[in-house]
Amino acid sequence: MLATPRLEDLVRGDLADDHALAWSPQRLTWSDFQGAPPAEGSEGAKTSYALYSAWRCRGTRFEFRVIAGFRPRQSWVKAVVLQDTAQRGAVLSHEQTHFDLAEVHARMMRGTFGALTSPCRKTDQELSALAERLVQAEKAEQRRYDAETNHGLRVAEQAAWNASVARRLR
């Protein structure tokens, strides 16, 4: 009889398949951004991440895992940012907050799924729909973050978001 893989191993396998780094308090560095930047466009850098999740029921026992993962091969920075000392730090801070915000939502997702009443009575479609709603809420907040900070160019708004996201991670 084959052993059933642990849920944690399944999610970590998905991260490995994507060459993703699980969120941790350790800060990103520019060396983590390994993708090729586009020649066109005004963005100086791009953080690619995903919320990796899996669930299953063992009888009536519900198991759920979600991990925010940074995808280095899809994340990039333009040389012009790296060559400007002021931009280097500010842009990296903005990108880090994107990843930290993804972790905030991973925690919210863990809390939501952990608080479900009788989740093993729900269909896989119902659970998938809930997960998708939570992912869409995360994407909406990421868009709001970029809009309110103008992609990190509004210094005061960026500082406020940095502080807010840091508080939510505590």
C-alpha atoms as a PDB file:
ATOM      1  CA  MET A   1       0.000   0.000   0.000  1.00  0.00           C
ATOM      2  CA  LEU A   2       1.348   3.405  -0.970  1.00  0.00           C
ATOM      3  CA  ALA A   3       1.576   6.047   1.718  1.00  0.00           C
ATOM      4  CA  THR A   4      -0.566   9.117   1.109  1.00  0.00           C
ATOM      5  CA  PRO A   5       1.690  12.165   0.811  1.00  0.00           C
ATOM      6  CA  ARG A   6       1.347  14.811   3.488  1.00  0.00           C
ATOM      7  CA  LEU A   7      -0.511  17.928   2.375  1.00  0.00           C
ATOM      8  CA  GLU A   8       2.503  20.045   3.310  1.00  0.00           C
ATOM      9  CA  ASP A   9       4.658  17.931   0.964  1.00  0.00           C
ATOM     10  CA  LEU A  10       2.147  18.350  -1.873  1.00  0.00           C
ATOM     11  CA  VAL A  11       2.089  22.140  -1.553  1.00  0.00           C
ATOM     12  CA  ARG A  12       5.886  22.317  -1.196  1.00  0.00           C
ATOM     13  CA  GLY A  13       6.125  20.121  -4.309  1.00  0.00           C
ATOM     14  CA  ASP A  14       4.034  22.662  -6.197  1.00  0.00           C
ATOM     15  CA  LEU A  15       6.407  25.400  -5.023  1.00  0.00           C
ATOM     16  CA  ALA A  16       9.423  23.349  -6.125  1.00  0.00           C
ATOM     17  CA  ASP A  17       7.854  22.668  -9.526  1.00  0.00           C
ATOM     18  CA  ASP A  18       7.470  26.444  -9.956  1.00  0.00           C
ATOM     19  CA  HIS A  19      10.951  27.144  -8.479  1.00  0.00           C
ATOM     20  CA  ALA A  20       9.136  29.335  -5.944  1.00  0.00           C
ATOM     21  CA  LEU A  21      10.378  30.468  -2.548  1.00  0.00           C
ATOM     22  CA  ALA A  22       7.974  30.191   0.384  1.00  0.00           C
ATOM     23  CA  TRP A  23       7.348  33.468   2.200  1.00  0.00           C
ATOM     24  CA  SER A  24       9.520  33.991   5.267  1.00  0.00           C
ATOM     25  CA  PRO A  25      10.478  37.009   7.380  1.00  0.00           C
ATOM     26  CA  GLN A  26      13.758  37.080   5.423  1.00  0.00           C
ATOM     27  CA  ARG A  27      13.599  39.970   2.972  1.00  0.00           C
ATOM     28  CA  LEU A  28      13.878  39.594  -0.786  1.00  0.00           C
ATOM     29  CA  THR A  29      17.080  40.759  -2.479  1.00  0.00           C
ATOM     30  CA  TRP A  30      17.540  41.840  -6.064  1.00  0.00           C
ATOM     31  CA  SER A  31      19.365  38.569  -6.742  1.00  0.00           C
ATOM     32  CA  ASP A  32      15.996  36.829  -6.177  1.00  0.00           C
ATOM     33  CA  PHE A  33      14.638  38.576  -9.298  1.00  0.00           C
ATOM     34  CA  GLN A  34      15.903  36.289 -12.049  1.00  0.00           C
ATOM     35  CA  GLY A  35      13.473  36.925 -14.909  1.00  0.00           C
ATOM     36  CA  ALA A  36      14.287  38.963 -17.992  1.00  0.00           C
ATOM     37  CA  PRO A  37      12.680  42.420 -17.877  1.00  0.00           C
ATOM     38  CA  PRO A  38      10.667  43.581 -20.872  1.00  0.00           C
ATOM     39  CA  ALA A  39      12.270  46.155 -23.130  1.00  0.00           C
ATOM     40  CA  GLU A  40       9.120  48.291 -23.125  1.00  0.00           C
ATOM     41  CA  GLY A  41       6.952  49.637 -20.294  1.00  0.00           C
ATOM     42  CA  SER A  42       7.415  52.039 -17.425  1.00  0.00           C
ATOM     43  CA  GLU A  43       7.613  49.528 -14.567  1.00  0.00           C
ATOM     44  CA  GLY A  44      11.081  49.193 -13.085  1.00  0.00           C
ATOM     45  CA  ALA A  45      10.488  45.805 -11.475  1.00  0.00           C
ATOM     46  CA  LYS A  46       7.874  43.081 -11.170  1.00  0.00           C
ATOM     47  CA  THR A  47       7.233  40.632  -8.352  1.00  0.00           C
ATOM     48  CA  SER A  48       5.588  37.380  -9.370  1.00  0.00           C
ATOM     49  CA  TYR A  49       4.039  35.288  -6.632  1.00  0.00           C
ATOM     50  CA  ALA A  50       1.228  32.825  -6.125  1.00  0.00           C
ATOM     51  CA  LEU A  51      -0.855  31.394  -3.307  1.00  0.00           C
ATOM     52  CA  TYR A  52      -0.224  27.639  -3.392  1.00  0.00           C
ATOM     53  CA  SER A  53      -2.943  25.634  -1.654  1.00  0.00           C
ATOM     54  CA  ALA A  54      -4.315  22.157  -1.185  1.00  0.00           C
ATOM     55  CA  TRP A  55      -6.990  20.533   0.965  1.00  0.00           C
ATOM     56  CA  ARG A  56      -8.472  17.161   1.659  1.00  0.00           C
ATOM     57  CA  CYS A  57     -10.725  15.336   4.047  1.00  0.00           C
ATOM     58  CA  ARG A  58      -9.806  12.256   5.999  1.00  0.00           C
ATOM     59  CA  GLY A  59     -13.173  11.140   7.209  1.00  0.00           C
ATOM     60  CA  THR A  60     -14.525  14.255   8.871  1.00  0.00           C
ATOM     61  CA  ARG A  61     -11.053  15.690   9.533  1.00  0.00           C
ATOM     62  CA  PHE A  62     -10.333  18.588   7.194  1.00  0.00           C
ATOM     63  CA  GLU A  63      -6.751  19.439   6.260  1.00  0.00           C
ATOM     64  CA  PHE A  64      -5.800  22.656   4.490  1.00  0.00           C
ATOM     65  CA  ARG A  65      -2.467  24.250   3.585  1.00  0.00           C
ATOM     66  CA  VAL A  66      -1.651  27.502   1.805  1.00  0.00           C
ATOM     67  CA  ILE A  67       1.743  29.070   1.213  1.00  0.00           C
ATOM     68  CA  ALA A  68       2.579  32.390  -0.405  1.00  0.00           C
ATOM     69  CA  GLY A  69       5.403  31.714  -2.858  1.00  0.00           C
ATOM     70  CA  PHE A  70       7.710  34.132  -4.683  1.00  0.00           C
ATOM     71  CA  ARG A  71       8.473  33.087  -8.255  1.00  0.00           C
ATOM     72  CA  PRO A  72      12.044  34.233  -9.067  1.00  0.00           C
ATOM     73  CA  ARG A  73      12.015  33.201 -12.721  1.00  0.00           C
ATOM     74  CA  GLN A  74       8.939  35.364 -13.417  1.00  0.00           C
ATOM     75  CA  SER A  75      10.162  38.293 -11.279  1.00  0.00           C
ATOM     76  CA  TRP A  76      12.452  40.895 -12.793  1.00  0.00           C
ATOM     77  CA  VAL A  77      14.160  44.251 -12.313  1.00  0.00           C
ATOM     78  CA  LYS A  78      15.424  46.662 -14.948  1.00  0.00           C
ATOM     79  CA  ALA A  79      19.079  47.742 -14.956  1.00  0.00           C
ATOM     80  CA  VAL A  80      18.063  51.410 -14.620  1.00  0.00           C
ATOM     81  CA  VAL A  81      16.625  50.629 -11.160  1.00  0.00           C
ATOM     82  CA  LEU A  82      19.731  48.747 -10.040  1.00  0.00           C
ATOM     83  CA  GLN A  83      21.992  51.587 -11.194  1.00  0.00           C
ATOM     84  CA  ASP A  84      20.157  54.247  -9.166  1.00  0.00           C
ATOM     85  CA  THR A  85      20.934  54.011  -5.444  1.00  0.00           C
ATOM     86  CA  ALA A  86      17.738  55.784  -4.370  1.00  0.00           C
ATOM     87  CA  GLN A  87      15.506  53.718  -6.646  1.00  0.00           C
ATOM     88  CA  ARG A  88      17.201  50.443  -5.711  1.00  0.00           C
ATOM     89  CA  GLY A  89      15.980  50.531  -2.115  1.00  0.00           C
ATOM     90  CA  ALA A  90      12.613  52.159  -2.702  1.00  0.00           C
ATOM     91  CA  VAL A  91      11.587  49.833  -5.520  1.00  0.00           C
ATOM     92  CA  LEU A  92      12.747  46.716  -3.651  1.00  0.00           C
ATOM     93  CA  SER A  93      10.743  47.833  -0.606  1.00  0.00           C
ATOM     94  CA  HIS A  94       7.653  48.267  -2.800  1.00  0.00           C
ATOM     95  CA  GLU A  95       8.132  44.802  -4.311  1.00  0.00           C
ATOM     96  CA  GLN A  96       8.698  43.235  -0.877  1.00  0.00           C
ATOM     97  CA  THR A  97       5.405  44.710   0.299  1.00  0.00           C
ATOM     98  CA  HIS A  98       3.659  42.982  -2.619  1.00  0.00           C
ATOM     99  CA  PHE A  99       5.028  39.646  -1.394  1.00  0.00           C
ATOM    100  CA  ASP A 100       4.236  40.465   2.244  1.00  0.00           C
ATOM    101  CA  LEU A 101       0.676  41.355   1.240  1.00  0.00           C
ATOM    102  CA  ALA A 102       0.393  37.949  -0.439  1.00  0.00           C
ATOM    103  CA  GLU A 103       1.411  36.375   2.890  1.00  0.00           C
ATOM    104  CA  VAL A 104      -1.234  38.441   4.714  1.00  0.00           C
ATOM    105  CA  HIS A 105      -3.829  36.923   2.396  1.00  0.00           C
ATOM    106  CA  ALA A 106      -2.379  33.416   2.768  1.00  0.00           C
ATOM    107  CA  ARG A 107      -2.923  33.794   6.520  1.00  0.00           C
ATOM    108  CA  MET A 108      -6.459  35.086   5.951  1.00  0.00           C
ATOM    109  CA  MET A 109      -7.139  32.088   3.718  1.00  0.00           C
ATOM    110  CA  ARG A 110      -5.807  29.700   6.394  1.00  0.00           C
ATOM    111  CA  GLY A 111      -8.069  31.396   8.934  1.00  0.00           C
ATOM    112  CA  THR A 112     -11.129  31.255   6.689  1.00  0.00           C
ATOM    113  CA  PHE A 113     -10.663  27.589   5.845  1.00  0.00           C
ATOM    114  CA  GLY A 114      -9.817  26.784   9.470  1.00  0.00           C
ATOM    115  CA  ALA A 115     -13.069  28.362  10.654  1.00  0.00           C
ATOM    116  CA  LEU A 116     -15.343  26.473   8.248  1.00  0.00           C
ATOM    117  CA  THR A 117     -18.145  24.491   9.827  1.00  0.00           C
ATOM    118  CA  SER A 118     -18.212  20.897   8.559  1.00  0.00           C
ATOM    119  CA  PRO A 119     -15.936  21.591   5.570  1.00  0.00           C
ATOM    120  CA  CYS A 120     -15.869  17.901   4.627  1.00  0.00           C
ATOM    121  CA  ARG A 121     -19.588  18.131   3.878  1.00  0.00           C
ATOM    122  CA  LYS A 122     -18.848  20.736   1.214  1.00  0.00           C
ATOM    123  CA  THR A 123     -18.160  19.734  -2.368  1.00  0.00           C
ATOM    124  CA  ASP A 124     -14.783  20.259  -3.937  1.00  0.00           C
ATOM    125  CA  GLN A 125     -16.459  22.840  -6.195  1.00  0.00           C
ATOM    126  CA  GLU A 126     -17.711  24.801  -3.170  1.00  0.00           C
ATOM    127  CA  LEU A 127     -14.257  24.767  -1.569  1.00  0.00           C
ATOM    128  CA  SER A 128     -12.624  25.739  -4.879  1.00  0.00           C
ATOM    129  CA  ALA A 129     -15.074  28.615  -5.292  1.00  0.00           C
ATOM    130  CA  LEU A 130     -14.265  29.864  -1.775  1.00  0.00           C
ATOM    131  CA  ALA A 131     -10.525  29.649  -2.487  1.00  0.00           C
ATOM    132  CA  GLU A 132     -11.020  31.541  -5.756  1.00  0.00           C
ATOM    133  CA  ARG A 133     -13.008  34.309  -4.004  1.00  0.00           C
ATOM    134  CA  LEU A 134     -10.161  34.702  -1.496  1.00  0.00           C
ATOM    135  CA  VAL A 135      -7.546  34.800  -4.278  1.00  0.00           C
ATOM    136  CA  GLN A 136      -9.594  37.437  -6.117  1.00  0.00           C
ATOM    137  CA  ALA A 137      -9.802  39.523  -2.915  1.00  0.00           C
ATOM    138  CA  GLU A 138      -6.011  39.307  -2.644  1.00  0.00           C
ATOM    139  CA  LYS A 139      -5.571  40.416  -6.261  1.00  0.00           C
ATOM    140  CA  ALA A 140      -7.966  43.330  -5.712  1.00  0.00           C
ATOM    141  CA  GLU A 141      -5.991  44.528  -2.692  1.00  0.00           C
ATOM    142  CA  GLN A 142      -2.741  44.230  -4.655  1.00  0.00           C
ATOM    143  CA  ARG A 143      -4.242  46.429  -7.398  1.00  0.00           C
ATOM    144  CA  ARG A 144      -5.408  48.948  -4.768  1.00  0.00           C
ATOM    145  CA  TYR A 145      -1.899  48.963  -3.263  1.00  0.00           C
ATOM    146  CA  ASP A 146      -0.330  49.798  -6.631  1.00  0.00           C
ATOM    147  CA  ALA A 147      -2.996  52.421  -7.388  1.00  0.00           C
ATOM    148  CA  GLU A 148      -2.724  54.181  -4.017  1.00  0.00           C
ATOM    149  CA  THR A 149       1.092  54.193  -4.036  1.00  0.00           C
ATOM    150  CA  ASN A 150       1.372  54.791  -7.809  1.00  0.00           C
ATOM    151  CA  HIS A 151       3.607  51.711  -7.927  1.00  0.00           C
ATOM    152  CA  GLY A 152       5.690  53.018  -5.025  1.00  0.00           C
ATOM    153  CA  LEU A 153       6.207  56.542  -6.362  1.00  0.00           C
ATOM    154  CA  ARG A 154       4.018  58.218  -3.699  1.00  0.00           C
ATOM    155  CA  VAL A 155       6.413  58.135  -0.770  1.00  0.00           C
ATOM    156  CA  ALA A 156       3.933  58.882   2.037  1.00  0.00           C
ATOM    157  CA  GLU A 157       1.360  56.388   0.769  1.00  0.00           C
ATOM    158  CA  GLN A 158       4.078  53.758   0.307  1.00  0.00           C
ATOM    159  CA  ALA A 159       5.255  54.265   3.889  1.00  0.00           C
ATOM    160  CA  ALA A 160       1.677  53.920   5.143  1.00  0.00           C
ATOM    161  CA  TRP A 161       1.164  50.664   3.210  1.00  0.00           C
ATOM    162  CA  ASN A 162       4.524  49.296   4.409  1.00  0.00           C
ATOM    163  CA  ALA A 163       3.545  49.980   8.016  1.00  0.00           C
ATOM    164  CA  SER A 164       0.020  48.596   7.598  1.00  0.00           C
ATOM    165  CA  VAL A 165       1.165  45.358   5.974  1.00  0.00           C
ATOM    166  CA  ALA A 166       3.917  44.917   8.570  1.00  0.00           C
ATOM    167  CA  ARG A 167       1.321  45.313  11.363  1.00  0.00           C
ATOM    168  CA  ARG A 168      -0.925  42.725   9.688  1.00  0.00           C
ATOM    169  CA  LEU A 169       1.971  40.274   9.621  1.00  0.00           C
ATOM    170  CA  ARG A 170       2.582  40.544  13.381  1.00  0.00           C
END
